[in-house]
Structure formats: C-alpha cells, structure tokens
Amino acid sequence: MSMNSPVLPALEWRYACKVFDPARTIPADTWSALERSLVLTPSSFGLQPWKFLVIQDKALREELVPHAWNQRQVADCSHLVVFTIPKAVSEDLIDANIRRMAEVRGGTADALAGFRKMVAGFRSGLEARGGLEQWAKLQAYIALGQFMLAAALMEVDTCPMEGFLPEKFDEVLGLGKDGLTTAVLCPAGYRSADDRYAALPKVRFEAADVVEHR
C-alpha cells in the first residue's frame, strides 16, 4: 500500500462521535456508497447472517433513545444502522446462499453439494455447543468495522454502540416476527462543533505494545 494512501489519515481523523449535528444529513450518493459497503462485507463461508436496518424516521429514533441509555447519538445522527442477526441460524440460510452462488456464478445448487455439506456440518457443530448466535454476532462486527472504515474514508462520522437494551430494541423494531435480534448499533452523520471529543488526541498504546513480529 502506498504511503500516500488515504486510509491512515482517515483512521486518525475518525473517533467515536459523541455529539452529532442533527441539522446535517448524509447526501444520498454518499449514503448509497456506505450502504454498499455493508452489502460487500465478508463473512464466514459467505453466509451473511445479518440484516442491516437503516432508520431515518425521527420519531422512531426518539422512541429508541431511552433504550440506548439516553444517548442522543441514536436520535441526532443522520442515519442509524441497527445490525441485526438471526436468533436461530437455520440451514435455510445455507440454502439461500447456495442458490445465490449458483445465480451469480452460474452452475447449479447440486454442483455445490459438497460445499453445502461442509457448511452444514460447521453449523451443526456450533449449534451443539450453543454458539450459533455468538458466531452470527461476531460476523456483524466484521460489518461494523468495514462500515466505520468506509465512513471515515468519506469523512462521515460514526459511533459504534453496545450501550443499549437488545430486547427493547427488538420490541420497538418488531424484530421478533422475523426471528431477528439486535447485535450492535452504529449512528452515522456529522460531528457537531460542540463535541469536545473531536479535538482530543487519540489515545492508543504504542505499536510495540500491541504488535509482535515473529
């Protein structure tokens, strides 16, 4: 990667935005690119065990604020992304992915029978250990990281949030009927001039403390 790459400056620029400017909205073309970055997220076996809810309805976001420890980012951002995952990852997801692979790459689902068997075995092993939901949640965090980097490259602020009540979010958003649950949140928009955290130096350990070469 070139030393002139925009990645490191973007990562130095970004921070977890504490105060969004509610008067600023992400332009449609910018949001379209950010939404595409979510769709392009890699996942284990390419299973994509998620649904991204993009919430712009102001009244709905205000209803969610009390269930996010009264953090105003949920309401004051431009777009709120709710990363949801299936509460029970069934083999239906595997079959849907197989059909999509055949559609995009050509061939038939039958030709992918070996791959399906392998993935189904992986899923069954996770289910036996009670780890399916946690696995899906980890996949959602891959999407979260990719989304935040894409946003930083486009000078859009974000704030990853785990401080919320998943069961309340699920209730307000009616996720139960679709078998989904909330994994993590990420408001996106533009920082307010009143957010003092924007100008604070970034605190990170020295590279030698967290990176080891062998």
C-alpha atoms as a PDB file:
ATOM      1  CA  MET A   1       0.000   0.000   0.000  1.00  0.00           C
ATOM      2  CA  SER A   2       1.312   3.439  -0.885  1.00  0.00           C
ATOM      3  CA  MET A   3       2.381   5.722   1.956  1.00  0.00           C
ATOM      4  CA  ASN A   4       0.074   8.240   0.275  1.00  0.00           C
ATOM      5  CA  SER A   5      -2.949   6.015   0.913  1.00  0.00           C
ATOM      6  CA  PRO A   6      -5.944   7.831   2.420  1.00  0.00           C
ATOM      7  CA  VAL A   7      -6.560   5.005   4.909  1.00  0.00           C
ATOM      8  CA  LEU A   8      -4.288   6.098   7.772  1.00  0.00           C
ATOM      9  CA  PRO A   9      -5.293   9.797   7.656  1.00  0.00           C
ATOM     10  CA  ALA A  10      -8.941   8.706   7.710  1.00  0.00           C
ATOM     11  CA  LEU A  11      -8.341   6.476  10.731  1.00  0.00           C
ATOM     12  CA  GLU A  12      -6.503   9.290  12.521  1.00  0.00           C
ATOM     13  CA  TRP A  13      -9.437  11.605  11.747  1.00  0.00           C
ATOM     14  CA  ARG A  14     -12.216   9.302  12.961  1.00  0.00           C
ATOM     15  CA  TYR A  15     -13.362   8.974  16.548  1.00  0.00           C
ATOM     16  CA  ALA A  16     -16.484   7.747  18.289  1.00  0.00           C
ATOM     17  CA  CYS A  17     -18.690  10.783  17.727  1.00  0.00           C
ATOM     18  CA  LYS A  18     -20.407  11.810  20.945  1.00  0.00           C
ATOM     19  CA  VAL A  19     -22.463  14.734  19.586  1.00  0.00           C
ATOM     20  CA  PHE A  20     -23.901  14.708  16.068  1.00  0.00           C
ATOM     21  CA  ASP A  21     -25.166  17.786  14.260  1.00  0.00           C
ATOM     22  CA  PRO A  22     -28.885  16.962  13.811  1.00  0.00           C
ATOM     23  CA  ALA A  23     -29.206  19.574  11.078  1.00  0.00           C
ATOM     24  CA  ARG A  24     -26.808  17.761   8.722  1.00  0.00           C
ATOM     25  CA  THR A  25     -27.849  14.823   6.569  1.00  0.00           C
ATOM     26  CA  ILE A  26     -25.587  12.440   4.690  1.00  0.00           C
ATOM     27  CA  PRO A  27     -26.056  13.085   0.926  1.00  0.00           C
ATOM     28  CA  ALA A  28     -27.885  10.336  -0.960  1.00  0.00           C
ATOM     29  CA  ASP A  29     -24.902   9.353  -3.132  1.00  0.00           C
ATOM     30  CA  THR A  30     -22.612   9.153  -0.104  1.00  0.00           C
ATOM     31  CA  TRP A  31     -25.107   7.034   1.787  1.00  0.00           C
ATOM     32  CA  SER A  32     -25.571   4.764  -1.234  1.00  0.00           C
ATOM     33  CA  ALA A  33     -21.824   4.025  -1.190  1.00  0.00           C
ATOM     34  CA  LEU A  34     -21.852   3.394   2.555  1.00  0.00           C
ATOM     35  CA  GLU A  35     -24.822   1.068   2.223  1.00  0.00           C
ATOM     36  CA  ARG A  36     -22.958  -0.792  -0.493  1.00  0.00           C
ATOM     37  CA  SER A  37     -20.001  -1.192   1.877  1.00  0.00           C
ATOM     38  CA  LEU A  38     -22.341  -3.045   4.229  1.00  0.00           C
ATOM     39  CA  VAL A  39     -23.523  -5.352   1.456  1.00  0.00           C
ATOM     40  CA  LEU A  40     -19.909  -6.087   0.446  1.00  0.00           C
ATOM     41  CA  THR A  41     -18.862  -7.169   3.946  1.00  0.00           C
ATOM     42  CA  PRO A  42     -17.056 -10.524   4.017  1.00  0.00           C
ATOM     43  CA  SER A  43     -18.415 -13.269   6.270  1.00  0.00           C
ATOM     44  CA  SER A  44     -17.620 -16.823   7.303  1.00  0.00           C
ATOM     45  CA  PHE A  45     -18.413 -19.149   4.364  1.00  0.00           C
ATOM     46  CA  GLY A  46     -20.048 -16.096   2.750  1.00  0.00           C
ATOM     47  CA  LEU A  47     -23.225 -16.819   4.725  1.00  0.00           C
ATOM     48  CA  GLN A  48     -24.008 -13.157   5.534  1.00  0.00           C
ATOM     49  CA  PRO A  49     -26.046 -13.856   8.699  1.00  0.00           C
ATOM     50  CA  TRP A  50     -27.401 -10.375   9.101  1.00  0.00           C
ATOM     51  CA  LYS A  51     -29.919  -7.735   8.165  1.00  0.00           C
ATOM     52  CA  PHE A  52     -28.979  -4.055   8.356  1.00  0.00           C
ATOM     53  CA  LEU A  53     -31.844  -1.805   9.438  1.00  0.00           C
ATOM     54  CA  VAL A  54     -31.307   1.805   8.347  1.00  0.00           C
ATOM     55  CA  ILE A  55     -33.504   4.046  10.455  1.00  0.00           C
ATOM     56  CA  GLN A  56     -34.113   7.663   9.474  1.00  0.00           C
ATOM     57  CA  ASP A  57     -37.579   8.077  10.979  1.00  0.00           C
ATOM     58  CA  LYS A  58     -37.034  10.739  13.670  1.00  0.00           C
ATOM     59  CA  ALA A  59     -39.971   9.685  15.836  1.00  0.00           C
ATOM     60  CA  LEU A  60     -38.843   6.066  15.826  1.00  0.00           C
ATOM     61  CA  ARG A  61     -35.310   7.040  16.775  1.00  0.00           C
ATOM     62  CA  GLU A  62     -36.575   9.162  19.658  1.00  0.00           C
ATOM     63  CA  GLU A  63     -38.506   6.126  20.856  1.00  0.00           C
ATOM     64  CA  LEU A  64     -35.240   4.167  20.889  1.00  0.00           C
ATOM     65  CA  VAL A  65     -33.222   6.728  22.879  1.00  0.00           C
ATOM     66  CA  PRO A  66     -34.401   5.592  26.357  1.00  0.00           C
ATOM     67  CA  HIS A  67     -33.381   2.049  25.441  1.00  0.00           C
ATOM     68  CA  ALA A  68     -29.878   3.239  24.490  1.00  0.00           C
ATOM     69  CA  TRP A  69     -29.051   4.655  27.918  1.00  0.00           C
ATOM     70  CA  ASN A  70     -30.410   8.033  26.738  1.00  0.00           C
ATOM     71  CA  GLN A  71     -27.505   8.512  24.364  1.00  0.00           C
ATOM     72  CA  ARG A  72     -28.551  11.211  21.900  1.00  0.00           C
ATOM     73  CA  GLN A  73     -26.424   9.896  19.045  1.00  0.00           C
ATOM     74  CA  VAL A  74     -29.248   7.481  18.236  1.00  0.00           C
ATOM     75  CA  ALA A  75     -31.641  10.351  17.520  1.00  0.00           C
ATOM     76  CA  ASP A  76     -29.325  13.147  16.370  1.00  0.00           C
ATOM     77  CA  CYS A  77     -27.370  11.275  13.716  1.00  0.00           C
ATOM     78  CA  SER A  78     -28.292  11.318  10.041  1.00  0.00           C
ATOM     79  CA  HIS A  79     -28.699   7.548   9.633  1.00  0.00           C
ATOM     80  CA  LEU A  80     -28.911   4.938  12.390  1.00  0.00           C
ATOM     81  CA  VAL A  81     -27.729   1.470  11.376  1.00  0.00           C
ATOM     82  CA  VAL A  82     -29.069  -1.356  13.526  1.00  0.00           C
ATOM     83  CA  PHE A  83     -27.073  -4.517  12.881  1.00  0.00           C
ATOM     84  CA  THR A  84     -29.405  -7.464  13.409  1.00  0.00           C
ATOM     85  CA  ILE A  85     -28.753 -11.197  13.318  1.00  0.00           C
ATOM     86  CA  PRO A  86     -30.972 -14.291  13.295  1.00  0.00           C
ATOM     87  CA  LYS A  87     -31.687 -15.688  16.737  1.00  0.00           C
ATOM     88  CA  ALA A  88     -31.547 -19.162  15.211  1.00  0.00           C
ATOM     89  CA  VAL A  89     -29.278 -19.670  12.193  1.00  0.00           C
ATOM     90  CA  SER A  90     -31.042 -22.414  10.273  1.00  0.00           C
ATOM     91  CA  GLU A  91     -29.940 -24.422   7.252  1.00  0.00           C
ATOM     92  CA  ASP A  92     -32.308 -22.236   5.233  1.00  0.00           C
ATOM     93  CA  LEU A  93     -29.576 -19.583   5.273  1.00  0.00           C
ATOM     94  CA  ILE A  94     -27.110 -22.066   3.810  1.00  0.00           C
ATOM     95  CA  ASP A  95     -29.547 -22.993   1.049  1.00  0.00           C
ATOM     96  CA  ALA A  96     -30.287 -19.343   0.259  1.00  0.00           C
ATOM     97  CA  ASN A  97     -26.566 -18.685  -0.067  1.00  0.00           C
ATOM     98  CA  ILE A  98     -26.096 -21.734  -2.298  1.00  0.00           C
ATOM     99  CA  ARG A  99     -28.897 -20.537  -4.589  1.00  0.00           C
ATOM    100  CA  ARG A 100     -27.341 -17.081  -4.754  1.00  0.00           C
ATOM    101  CA  MET A 101     -23.912 -18.531  -5.579  1.00  0.00           C
ATOM    102  CA  ALA A 102     -25.423 -20.501  -8.464  1.00  0.00           C
ATOM    103  CA  GLU A 103     -27.305 -17.424  -9.663  1.00  0.00           C
ATOM    104  CA  VAL A 104     -24.264 -15.141  -9.630  1.00  0.00           C
ATOM    105  CA  ARG A 105     -21.535 -17.553 -10.724  1.00  0.00           C
ATOM    106  CA  GLY A 106     -23.533 -19.963 -12.841  1.00  0.00           C
ATOM    107  CA  GLY A 107     -23.894 -23.685 -12.376  1.00  0.00           C
ATOM    108  CA  THR A 108     -26.377 -25.497 -10.163  1.00  0.00           C
ATOM    109  CA  ALA A 109     -27.022 -25.967  -6.481  1.00  0.00           C
ATOM    110  CA  ASP A 110     -26.360 -29.694  -6.944  1.00  0.00           C
ATOM    111  CA  ALA A 111     -22.810 -28.937  -8.033  1.00  0.00           C
ATOM    112  CA  LEU A 112     -22.256 -27.246  -4.673  1.00  0.00           C
ATOM    113  CA  ALA A 113     -23.491 -30.202  -2.633  1.00  0.00           C
ATOM    114  CA  GLY A 114     -20.032 -30.845  -1.166  1.00  0.00           C
ATOM    115  CA  PHE A 115     -19.684 -27.254  -0.053  1.00  0.00           C
ATOM    116  CA  ARG A 116     -23.169 -27.318   1.439  1.00  0.00           C
ATOM    117  CA  LYS A 117     -22.381 -30.472   3.408  1.00  0.00           C
ATOM    118  CA  MET A 118     -19.242 -28.887   4.862  1.00  0.00           C
ATOM    119  CA  VAL A 119     -21.036 -25.685   5.884  1.00  0.00           C
ATOM    120  CA  ALA A 120     -23.965 -27.617   7.333  1.00  0.00           C
ATOM    121  CA  GLY A 121     -21.524 -29.642   9.417  1.00  0.00           C
ATOM    122  CA  PHE A 122     -19.912 -26.467  10.705  1.00  0.00           C
ATOM    123  CA  ARG A 123     -23.317 -25.064  11.594  1.00  0.00           C
ATOM    124  CA  SER A 124     -24.388 -28.236  13.384  1.00  0.00           C
ATOM    125  CA  GLY A 125     -21.205 -28.246  15.453  1.00  0.00           C
ATOM    126  CA  LEU A 126     -21.791 -24.654  16.528  1.00  0.00           C
ATOM    127  CA  GLU A 127     -25.402 -25.403  17.376  1.00  0.00           C
ATOM    128  CA  ALA A 128     -24.371 -28.367  19.537  1.00  0.00           C
ATOM    129  CA  ARG A 129     -22.066 -26.065  21.502  1.00  0.00           C
ATOM    130  CA  GLY A 130     -24.699 -23.337  21.779  1.00  0.00           C
ATOM    131  CA  GLY A 131     -22.542 -20.936  19.800  1.00  0.00           C
ATOM    132  CA  LEU A 132     -24.627 -20.049  16.747  1.00  0.00           C
ATOM    133  CA  GLU A 133     -25.894 -16.674  17.940  1.00  0.00           C
ATOM    134  CA  GLN A 134     -22.446 -15.620  19.160  1.00  0.00           C
ATOM    135  CA  TRP A 135     -20.946 -16.634  15.813  1.00  0.00           C
ATOM    136  CA  ALA A 136     -23.532 -14.515  13.987  1.00  0.00           C
ATOM    137  CA  LYS A 137     -22.829 -11.578  16.285  1.00  0.00           C
ATOM    138  CA  LEU A 138     -19.117 -11.779  15.506  1.00  0.00           C
ATOM    139  CA  GLN A 139     -19.966 -11.667  11.802  1.00  0.00           C
ATOM    140  CA  ALA A 140     -21.985  -8.486  12.401  1.00  0.00           C
ATOM    141  CA  TYR A 141     -18.922  -6.904  13.992  1.00  0.00           C
ATOM    142  CA  ILE A 142     -16.982  -7.502  10.777  1.00  0.00           C
ATOM    143  CA  ALA A 143     -19.672  -5.473   9.004  1.00  0.00           C
ATOM    144  CA  LEU A 144     -19.449  -2.799  11.690  1.00  0.00           C
ATOM    145  CA  GLY A 145     -15.694  -2.413  11.220  1.00  0.00           C
ATOM    146  CA  GLN A 146     -15.936  -2.244   7.437  1.00  0.00           C
ATOM    147  CA  PHE A 147     -18.744   0.311   7.658  1.00  0.00           C
ATOM    148  CA  MET A 148     -16.785   2.572  10.015  1.00  0.00           C
ATOM    149  CA  LEU A 149     -13.697   2.498   7.808  1.00  0.00           C
ATOM    150  CA  ALA A 150     -15.730   3.256   4.692  1.00  0.00           C
ATOM    151  CA  ALA A 151     -17.428   6.124   6.531  1.00  0.00           C
ATOM    152  CA  ALA A 152     -14.103   7.559   7.705  1.00  0.00           C
ATOM    153  CA  LEU A 153     -12.743   7.479   4.154  1.00  0.00           C
ATOM    154  CA  MET A 154     -15.769   9.563   3.118  1.00  0.00           C
ATOM    155  CA  GLU A 155     -15.445  11.896   6.136  1.00  0.00           C
ATOM    156  CA  VAL A 156     -18.673  10.665   7.674  1.00  0.00           C
ATOM    157  CA  ASP A 157     -18.686  10.308  11.440  1.00  0.00           C
ATOM    158  CA  THR A 158     -19.805   7.167  13.238  1.00  0.00           C
ATOM    159  CA  CYS A 159     -20.233   5.919  16.777  1.00  0.00           C
ATOM    160  CA  PRO A 160     -20.266   2.151  17.402  1.00  0.00           C
ATOM    161  CA  MET A 161     -22.600   1.444  20.316  1.00  0.00           C
ATOM    162  CA  GLU A 162     -23.068  -1.557  22.585  1.00  0.00           C
ATOM    163  CA  GLY A 163     -24.794   0.527  25.270  1.00  0.00           C
ATOM    164  CA  PHE A 164     -28.414  -0.407  24.624  1.00  0.00           C
ATOM    165  CA  LEU A 165     -31.040  -2.953  25.660  1.00  0.00           C
ATOM    166  CA  PRO A 166     -31.325  -5.503  22.840  1.00  0.00           C
ATOM    167  CA  GLU A 167     -34.671  -6.878  23.989  1.00  0.00           C
ATOM    168  CA  LYS A 168     -36.190  -3.377  23.995  1.00  0.00           C
ATOM    169  CA  PHE A 169     -34.782  -2.576  20.561  1.00  0.00           C
ATOM    170  CA  ASP A 170     -36.156  -5.872  19.291  1.00  0.00           C
ATOM    171  CA  GLU A 171     -39.564  -4.998  20.734  1.00  0.00           C
ATOM    172  CA  VAL A 172     -39.747  -1.453  19.358  1.00  0.00           C
ATOM    173  CA  LEU A 173     -38.487  -2.524  15.921  1.00  0.00           C
ATOM    174  CA  GLY A 174     -40.701  -5.616  15.786  1.00  0.00           C
ATOM    175  CA  LEU A 175     -37.790  -7.936  15.112  1.00  0.00           C
ATOM    176  CA  GLY A 176     -39.309 -10.970  16.812  1.00  0.00           C
ATOM    177  CA  LYS A 177     -41.670 -11.742  13.943  1.00  0.00           C
ATOM    178  CA  ASP A 178     -38.688 -12.093  11.625  1.00  0.00           C
ATOM    179  CA  GLY A 179     -36.633 -14.135  14.086  1.00  0.00           C
ATOM    180  CA  LEU A 180     -34.027 -11.370  14.415  1.00  0.00           C
ATOM    181  CA  THR A 181     -32.301  -9.708  17.340  1.00  0.00           C
ATOM    182  CA  THR A 182     -30.176  -6.555  17.650  1.00  0.00           C
ATOM    183  CA  ALA A 183     -26.414  -7.154  17.775  1.00  0.00           C
ATOM    184  CA  VAL A 184     -24.844  -3.673  17.701  1.00  0.00           C
ATOM    185  CA  LEU A 185     -25.658  -0.097  16.645  1.00  0.00           C
ATOM    186  CA  CYS A 186     -23.825   2.484  14.583  1.00  0.00           C
ATOM    187  CA  PRO A 187     -25.183   6.012  14.202  1.00  0.00           C
ATOM    188  CA  ALA A 188     -23.649   7.873  11.242  1.00  0.00           C
ATOM    189  CA  GLY A 189     -23.654  11.553  10.355  1.00  0.00           C
ATOM    190  CA  TYR A 190     -21.564  14.618  11.009  1.00  0.00           C
ATOM    191  CA  ARG A 191     -19.948  15.783  14.219  1.00  0.00           C
ATOM    192  CA  SER A 192     -21.249  18.846  15.996  1.00  0.00           C
ATOM    193  CA  ALA A 193     -18.931  21.798  16.565  1.00  0.00           C
ATOM    194  CA  ASP A 194     -19.851  21.389  20.238  1.00  0.00           C
ATOM    195  CA  ASP A 195     -18.345  17.916  20.537  1.00  0.00           C
ATOM    196  CA  ARG A 196     -15.187  18.474  22.536  1.00  0.00           C
ATOM    197  CA  TYR A 197     -14.066  14.884  21.952  1.00  0.00           C
ATOM    198  CA  ALA A 198     -13.408  15.639  18.286  1.00  0.00           C
ATOM    199  CA  ALA A 199     -10.309  17.688  19.114  1.00  0.00           C
ATOM    200  CA  LEU A 200      -8.861  15.414  21.801  1.00  0.00           C
ATOM    201  CA  PRO A 201      -5.679  13.497  20.931  1.00  0.00           C
ATOM    202  CA  LYS A 202      -6.293   9.855  20.048  1.00  0.00           C
ATOM    203  CA  VAL A 203      -5.149   7.545  22.852  1.00  0.00           C
ATOM    204  CA  ARG A 204      -3.609   4.278  21.691  1.00  0.00           C
ATOM    205  CA  PHE A 205      -0.856   2.047  23.067  1.00  0.00           C
ATOM    206  CA  GLU A 206       2.470   2.184  21.249  1.00  0.00           C
ATOM    207  CA  ALA A 207       2.688  -0.199  18.309  1.00  0.00           C
ATOM    208  CA  ALA A 208       5.427  -2.168  20.108  1.00  0.00           C
ATOM    209  CA  ASP A 209       2.994  -2.860  22.954  1.00  0.00           C
ATOM    210  CA  VAL A 210       0.285  -4.382  20.757  1.00  0.00           C
ATOM    211  CA  VAL A 211       2.067  -5.683  17.640  1.00  0.00           C
ATOM    212  CA  GLU A 212       4.518  -8.560  17.888  1.00  0.00           C
ATOM    213  CA  HIS A 213       6.588  -9.845  14.980  1.00  0.00           C
ATOM    214  CA  ARG A 214       7.755 -13.469  14.983  1.00  0.00           C
END
